[in-house]
Amino acid sequence: MESLKELGEFGVIRILEEKLGTSPLAAVGFGDDIAAVSLDRGRVLVLKTDMLVGSTDVPPGMTMYQAARKSVVANVSDMAAKGVRPLAGLVSLGLPASLTKSDIVHMAIGLRDSAKEYGFPLVGGDTNESNDLTISIALFGVANRKRLILRSGARVGDVVAVTGEFGSTAAGLSALLRDKRPSHLAHQLLQAVYNPQAQLETGLNLAASGAITASIDSSDGLAWSLHELARASKVAMRIDHVPIDEDTVKYAAQYGHEAMDFALYGGEEYHLVITVNPSRVERAKRAAGGRLRLIGTVTRGPPRVYFQRARSEIRIERRGCEHFKHRGR
């Protein structure tokens, strides 16, 4: 019988999708960043939940404040990818008995500050005792069904774009695990690990521009996110350029790593990975406020992601952060 490690997170999701089925009220099914339930007058209730688990999602040195904030950022980032502003949230906590009052106070302040940062209240939730720290956030918003930006809208000829540079989180984690006394360069990279940012306003502006056709956040890694867009949209993607963070390039050269591997497969970076109508690229650039980097083109063919070199295709592997198989997000 297939083990959980062999099945992986996405195998688990496929089983749940098969056994739970699809409700007639569901405006968005399993397999996208969010779920949505039909309301009235073309509106949908948008729901998002994601959990942070101490042993897989909290790296050494991360404070309780930062862990709480990261749990909020991960949820907001998926809402940003759909162009939806969260209106309210719930938080459920699984708390080991070993935690102190100070831990709980710092966690609560981190939850409060991060929710305020992204403009919504946390209005309730639940607590329970647990063997491992667990912070589960659920967000709620309302949107026009026709304006939701899903993973499945990419079309041949669209431009592939991202809203940032990649590799810093993976390089920072590498530095953290390598050195007990990180260098100045590593300290710079660790900011991406300890203080990630969700691009909510950028996502809202891009969705409102009418320029983008498909979207996903990059928390599972750039390569995985590109493959997910290709799979959901039934297209191929030719990548011409991967924007890599400058400090990541320096760190990789200094310690004998491949900066491209950090950028493609690292994960835990909350940029947006999108496809853009080719006639509206300038509109998308204005909406993104200078953040947008054009990295490729949507092409015909079976779903795949590749570099084109002369007459040869170099496949970009379909891998990234997947629970049960790799270290968690």
Protein backbone atom coordinates (compact mmCIF):
# COMPACT_ATOMS: atom_id res chain seq x y z
CA MET A 1 0.00 0.00 0.00
CA GLU A 2 1.27 3.46 -0.91
CA SER A 3 2.70 5.32 2.07
CA LEU A 4 1.96 8.94 2.94
CA LYS A 5 5.53 9.85 2.00
CA GLU A 6 5.04 8.30 -1.43
CA LEU A 7 1.60 9.87 -1.82
CA GLY A 8 2.68 13.39 -0.91
CA GLU A 9 0.54 16.39 -0.07
CA PHE A 10 -0.99 16.65 -3.51
CA GLY A 11 -1.87 12.97 -3.56
CA VAL A 12 -3.74 13.53 -0.30
CA ILE A 13 -5.60 16.46 -1.88
CA ARG A 14 -6.61 14.30 -4.86
CA ILE A 15 -8.09 11.67 -2.53
CA LEU A 16 -10.01 14.29 -0.57
CA GLU A 17 -11.33 15.81 -3.78
CA GLU A 18 -12.49 12.40 -5.03
CA LYS A 19 -14.17 11.36 -1.78
CA LEU A 20 -15.68 14.70 -0.78
CA GLY A 21 -17.03 15.47 -4.24
CA THR A 22 -18.03 18.89 -5.54
CA SER A 23 -20.94 20.83 -4.10
CA PRO A 24 -23.35 22.49 -6.55
CA LEU A 25 -22.73 25.69 -4.54
CA ALA A 26 -19.00 25.60 -5.21
CA ALA A 27 -17.94 28.31 -7.66
CA VAL A 28 -14.30 27.15 -7.47
CA GLY A 29 -13.42 23.51 -6.94
CA PHE A 30 -10.47 21.79 -5.33
CA GLY A 31 -7.03 22.53 -6.69
CA ASP A 32 -6.90 26.33 -6.75
CA ASP A 33 -5.51 28.72 -4.15
CA ILE A 34 -8.93 29.38 -2.62
CA ALA A 35 -12.44 27.97 -2.46
CA ALA A 36 -15.56 29.93 -3.36
CA VAL A 37 -19.26 29.44 -2.73
CA SER A 38 -21.97 31.11 -4.83
CA LEU A 39 -24.03 33.82 -3.15
CA ASP A 40 -26.33 36.08 -5.18
CA ARG A 41 -26.07 38.63 -8.03
CA GLY A 42 -22.90 37.01 -9.34
CA ARG A 43 -21.07 37.30 -6.03
CA VAL A 44 -19.11 34.55 -4.33
CA LEU A 45 -17.96 33.98 -0.78
CA VAL A 46 -14.22 33.38 -1.00
CA LEU A 47 -12.65 31.13 1.65
CA LYS A 48 -9.02 30.35 2.37
CA THR A 49 -7.40 28.28 5.08
CA ASP A 50 -3.78 27.32 5.66
CA MET A 51 -1.94 26.05 8.70
CA LEU A 52 1.54 26.52 10.08
CA VAL A 53 3.06 23.57 11.97
CA GLY A 54 6.04 24.10 14.22
CA SER A 55 8.17 21.13 13.21
CA THR A 56 7.88 21.71 9.46
CA ASP A 57 7.19 25.44 9.02
CA VAL A 58 9.11 27.21 11.79
CA PRO A 59 12.87 27.32 11.11
CA PRO A 60 15.46 27.70 13.86
CA GLY A 61 15.60 31.21 15.26
CA MET A 62 12.06 32.22 14.26
CA THR A 63 10.24 33.91 17.13
CA MET A 64 6.64 33.28 18.13
CA TYR A 65 5.77 36.73 16.81
CA GLN A 66 7.31 35.89 13.43
CA ALA A 67 5.68 32.44 13.29
CA ALA A 68 2.25 33.97 13.91
CA ARG A 69 2.87 36.61 11.28
CA LYS A 70 4.04 34.01 8.75
CA SER A 71 0.82 32.06 9.23
CA VAL A 72 -1.20 35.15 8.29
CA VAL A 73 1.06 36.04 5.34
CA ALA A 74 0.66 32.55 3.83
CA ASN A 75 -3.11 32.90 3.81
CA VAL A 76 -3.19 36.50 2.58
CA SER A 77 -0.83 35.62 -0.27
CA ASP A 78 -3.31 33.11 -1.71
CA MET A 79 -6.09 35.68 -1.50
CA ALA A 80 -3.80 38.18 -3.26
CA ALA A 81 -3.27 35.71 -6.10
CA LYS A 82 -7.02 35.64 -6.71
CA GLY A 83 -7.43 39.41 -6.43
CA VAL A 84 -9.61 39.21 -3.31
CA ARG A 85 -9.35 41.38 -0.20
CA PRO A 86 -9.89 39.44 3.04
CA LEU A 87 -12.70 40.89 5.13
CA ALA A 88 -12.27 38.83 8.31
CA GLY A 89 -10.44 35.81 9.65
CA LEU A 90 -10.52 33.06 12.25
CA VAL A 91 -7.54 31.53 14.03
CA SER A 92 -7.29 28.07 15.60
CA LEU A 93 -4.30 27.24 17.78
CA GLY A 94 -2.83 23.89 18.73
CA LEU A 95 -0.55 24.70 21.68
CA PRO A 96 2.05 22.44 23.33
CA ALA A 97 1.91 22.53 27.12
CA SER A 98 5.59 23.56 27.17
CA LEU A 99 4.81 27.06 25.86
CA THR A 100 4.98 29.98 28.28
CA LYS A 101 2.72 32.95 28.87
CA SER A 102 5.32 35.10 27.09
CA ASP A 103 5.12 32.81 24.05
CA ILE A 104 1.35 33.22 23.87
CA VAL A 105 1.54 36.99 24.30
CA HIS A 106 4.07 37.34 21.48
CA MET A 107 2.02 35.02 19.25
CA ALA A 108 -1.12 37.05 19.91
CA ILE A 109 0.66 40.32 19.10
CA GLY A 110 2.03 38.79 15.90
CA LEU A 111 -1.47 37.73 14.85
CA ARG A 112 -2.90 41.14 15.72
CA ASP A 113 -0.18 43.14 13.95
CA SER A 114 -0.18 41.06 10.76
CA ALA A 115 -3.96 41.11 10.44
CA LYS A 116 -3.89 44.90 10.90
CA GLU A 117 -1.09 45.16 8.32
CA TYR A 118 -3.33 43.55 5.70
CA GLY A 119 -6.49 45.35 6.75
CA PHE A 120 -8.83 42.80 8.34
CA PRO A 121 -9.83 41.67 11.86
CA LEU A 122 -9.39 38.24 13.38
CA VAL A 123 -12.82 37.77 14.92
CA GLY A 124 -12.66 34.40 16.68
CA GLY A 125 -11.36 30.84 16.56
CA ASP A 126 -10.43 27.93 18.81
CA THR A 127 -7.62 26.65 21.01
CA ASN A 128 -6.57 23.13 21.93
CA GLU A 129 -3.61 21.29 23.38
CA SER A 130 -1.28 19.75 20.82
CA ASN A 131 2.05 17.93 20.67
CA ASP A 132 3.27 20.44 18.08
CA LEU A 133 2.60 24.13 17.58
CA THR A 134 -0.19 24.62 15.05
CA ILE A 135 -1.55 27.96 13.84
CA SER A 136 -4.46 27.59 11.44
CA ILE A 137 -5.90 30.70 9.82
CA ALA A 138 -9.16 30.90 7.86
CA LEU A 139 -9.90 34.02 5.80
CA PHE A 140 -13.16 35.17 4.24
CA GLY A 141 -13.92 37.67 1.49
CA VAL A 142 -16.56 38.50 -1.11
CA ALA A 143 -15.87 38.94 -4.84
CA ASN A 144 -17.50 39.11 -8.24
CA ARG A 145 -17.32 35.57 -9.67
CA LYS A 146 -16.28 36.83 -13.11
CA ARG A 147 -13.33 38.77 -11.68
CA LEU A 148 -11.71 35.89 -9.78
CA ILE A 149 -8.30 35.16 -11.27
CA LEU A 150 -7.93 31.36 -11.30
CA ARG A 151 -5.07 29.09 -12.32
CA SER A 152 -6.89 27.91 -15.42
CA GLY A 153 -7.13 31.07 -17.55
CA ALA A 154 -3.77 31.13 -19.35
CA ARG A 155 -3.99 31.16 -23.16
CA VAL A 156 -1.45 30.61 -25.93
CA GLY A 157 0.39 33.87 -26.58
CA ASP A 158 -0.03 35.22 -23.04
CA VAL A 159 3.05 36.64 -21.36
CA VAL A 160 4.34 34.87 -18.23
CA ALA A 161 5.34 37.28 -15.46
CA VAL A 162 6.24 37.42 -11.77
CA THR A 163 6.16 40.16 -9.16
CA GLY A 164 9.61 39.74 -7.62
CA GLU A 165 13.02 38.11 -7.56
CA PHE A 166 13.53 34.56 -6.35
CA GLY A 167 15.90 32.48 -4.28
CA SER A 168 16.41 34.50 -1.10
CA THR A 169 14.31 32.29 1.19
CA ALA A 170 15.95 29.07 0.04
CA ALA A 171 19.41 30.65 0.29
CA GLY A 172 18.56 32.01 3.72
CA LEU A 173 17.45 28.59 4.94
CA SER A 174 20.63 27.09 3.52
CA ALA A 175 22.70 29.65 5.41
CA LEU A 176 20.71 29.08 8.58
CA LEU A 177 21.31 25.33 8.51
CA ARG A 178 24.96 25.77 7.48
CA ASP A 179 26.22 28.36 9.96
CA LYS A 180 25.51 28.85 13.63
CA ARG A 181 26.91 32.38 13.24
CA PRO A 182 25.61 33.61 9.89
CA SER A 183 27.61 36.17 7.91
CA HIS A 184 26.32 39.66 7.09
CA LEU A 185 25.20 38.33 3.69
CA ALA A 186 23.29 35.48 5.35
CA HIS A 187 21.63 37.94 7.73
CA GLN A 188 20.29 39.81 4.69
CA LEU A 189 18.88 36.58 3.27
CA LEU A 190 17.34 35.61 6.60
CA GLN A 191 15.02 38.60 6.38
CA ALA A 192 13.13 36.70 3.65
CA VAL A 193 12.87 33.68 5.96
CA TYR A 194 11.74 35.48 9.11
CA ASN A 195 9.75 38.38 7.64
CA PRO A 196 7.98 37.34 4.43
CA GLN A 197 5.61 39.75 2.70
CA ALA A 198 2.31 39.03 0.98
CA GLN A 199 1.65 41.17 -2.09
CA LEU A 200 -1.99 41.92 -1.40
CA GLU A 201 -2.28 45.41 -2.89
CA THR A 202 -0.34 44.33 -5.99
CA GLY A 203 -2.67 41.36 -6.45
CA LEU A 204 -5.76 43.52 -6.03
CA ASN A 205 -4.45 46.08 -8.52
CA LEU A 206 -3.53 43.43 -11.08
CA ALA A 207 -6.95 41.81 -10.82
CA ALA A 208 -8.69 45.17 -11.17
CA SER A 209 -6.60 46.00 -14.27
CA GLY A 210 -8.27 43.27 -16.33
CA ALA A 211 -4.86 42.44 -17.78
CA ILE A 212 -4.09 39.09 -16.17
CA THR A 213 -5.54 35.76 -17.22
CA ALA A 214 -4.23 33.31 -14.61
CA SER A 215 -2.51 33.63 -11.24
CA ILE A 216 -0.97 31.64 -8.40
CA ASP A 217 1.25 32.54 -5.47
CA SER A 218 4.79 31.15 -5.39
CA SER A 219 4.86 29.67 -1.87
CA ASP A 220 5.45 26.15 -3.23
CA GLY A 221 8.31 27.35 -5.43
CA LEU A 222 8.52 29.09 -8.80
CA ALA A 223 8.90 25.89 -10.83
CA TRP A 224 5.97 24.19 -9.12
CA SER A 225 3.79 27.28 -9.54
CA LEU A 226 4.54 27.50 -13.26
CA HIS A 227 3.73 23.81 -13.68
CA GLU A 228 0.46 24.27 -11.81
CA LEU A 229 -0.58 27.12 -14.12
CA ALA A 230 0.37 25.03 -17.16
CA ARG A 231 -1.51 21.99 -15.87
CA ALA A 232 -4.67 23.88 -14.92
CA SER A 233 -4.70 25.87 -18.18
CA LYS A 234 -3.66 22.92 -20.40
CA VAL A 235 -0.81 24.85 -21.99
CA ALA A 236 2.99 24.86 -22.10
CA MET A 237 5.25 27.64 -20.85
CA ARG A 238 8.55 28.72 -22.38
CA ILE A 239 10.68 30.52 -19.79
CA ASP A 240 13.29 32.95 -21.11
CA HIS A 241 14.53 34.47 -17.87
CA VAL A 242 14.36 33.82 -14.13
CA PRO A 243 14.89 36.91 -11.94
CA ILE A 244 17.21 35.90 -9.10
CA ASP A 245 17.82 37.96 -5.97
CA GLU A 246 21.30 39.55 -6.01
CA ASP A 247 22.24 38.35 -2.51
CA THR A 248 21.21 34.84 -3.50
CA VAL A 249 23.61 34.95 -6.46
CA LYS A 250 26.43 36.12 -4.17
CA TYR A 251 25.70 33.47 -1.54
CA ALA A 252 25.49 30.67 -4.12
CA ALA A 253 28.82 31.68 -5.66
CA GLN A 254 30.49 31.92 -2.26
CA TYR A 255 29.38 28.47 -1.05
CA GLY A 256 29.24 26.45 -4.26
CA HIS A 257 25.49 26.31 -4.78
CA GLU A 258 23.41 26.82 -7.91
CA ALA A 259 21.53 30.09 -7.61
CA MET A 260 19.05 28.88 -10.24
CA ASP A 261 18.11 25.90 -8.06
CA PHE A 262 17.38 28.22 -5.14
CA ALA A 263 15.24 30.40 -7.41
CA LEU A 264 13.27 27.65 -9.14
CA TYR A 265 12.78 25.08 -6.40
CA GLY A 266 13.17 26.85 -3.04
CA GLY A 267 9.65 27.90 -2.18
CA GLU A 268 8.28 29.97 0.71
CA GLU A 269 8.41 33.16 -1.34
CA TYR A 270 5.12 34.93 -1.62
CA HIS A 271 5.43 36.52 -5.04
CA LEU A 272 2.66 36.27 -7.63
CA VAL A 273 3.16 34.17 -10.75
CA ILE A 274 0.79 35.31 -13.48
CA THR A 275 -0.04 35.24 -17.16
CA VAL A 276 -0.88 38.49 -18.92
CA ASN A 277 -2.92 39.26 -22.02
CA PRO A 278 -0.20 40.34 -24.51
CA SER A 279 -2.18 43.42 -25.53
CA ARG A 280 -2.37 44.60 -21.90
CA VAL A 281 1.20 44.17 -20.67
CA GLU A 282 1.74 47.90 -20.12
CA ARG A 283 -1.50 48.07 -18.14
CA ALA A 284 -0.30 45.19 -15.97
CA LYS A 285 3.05 46.90 -15.41
CA ARG A 286 1.32 50.06 -14.22
CA ALA A 287 -0.98 48.04 -11.95
CA ALA A 288 1.98 46.24 -10.39
CA GLY A 289 3.74 49.51 -9.62
CA GLY A 290 7.09 48.54 -11.13
CA ARG A 291 7.20 45.07 -9.56
CA LEU A 292 6.42 43.11 -12.72
CA ARG A 293 9.14 41.01 -14.40
CA LEU A 294 8.35 39.36 -17.74
CA ILE A 295 9.87 35.89 -17.83
CA GLY A 296 8.33 33.92 -20.71
CA THR A 297 5.46 33.05 -23.01
CA VAL A 298 2.54 30.63 -22.98
CA THR A 299 2.91 28.18 -25.89
CA ARG A 300 0.98 25.30 -27.43
CA GLY A 301 1.50 21.69 -26.48
CA PRO A 302 0.99 19.33 -23.58
CA PRO A 303 1.44 20.98 -20.14
CA ARG A 304 5.14 21.48 -19.47
CA VAL A 305 7.58 24.23 -18.49
CA TYR A 306 10.88 24.63 -20.30
CA PHE A 307 13.79 26.81 -21.36
CA GLN A 308 14.41 27.12 -25.10
CA ARG A 309 18.11 26.88 -25.99
CA ALA A 310 18.85 26.99 -29.74
CA ARG A 311 16.67 24.20 -31.11
CA SER A 312 16.48 22.23 -27.86
CA GLU A 313 14.09 22.33 -24.95
CA ILE A 314 15.50 22.08 -21.43
CA ARG A 315 12.73 20.93 -19.14
CA ILE A 316 12.19 22.68 -15.83
CA GLU A 317 11.38 19.96 -13.32
CA ARG A 318 8.01 19.80 -11.64
CA ARG A 319 9.17 19.99 -8.05
CA GLY A 320 9.06 22.36 -5.12
CA CYS A 321 7.87 22.36 -1.51
CA GLU A 322 5.49 19.47 -0.89
CA HIS A 323 4.53 18.26 2.57
CA PHE A 324 5.26 14.61 3.48
CA LYS A 325 7.89 14.48 0.68
CA HIS A 326 10.04 17.53 1.43
CA ARG A 327 10.45 20.08 4.16
CA GLY A 328 7.18 21.97 4.59
CA ARG A 329 6.43 25.47 3.42
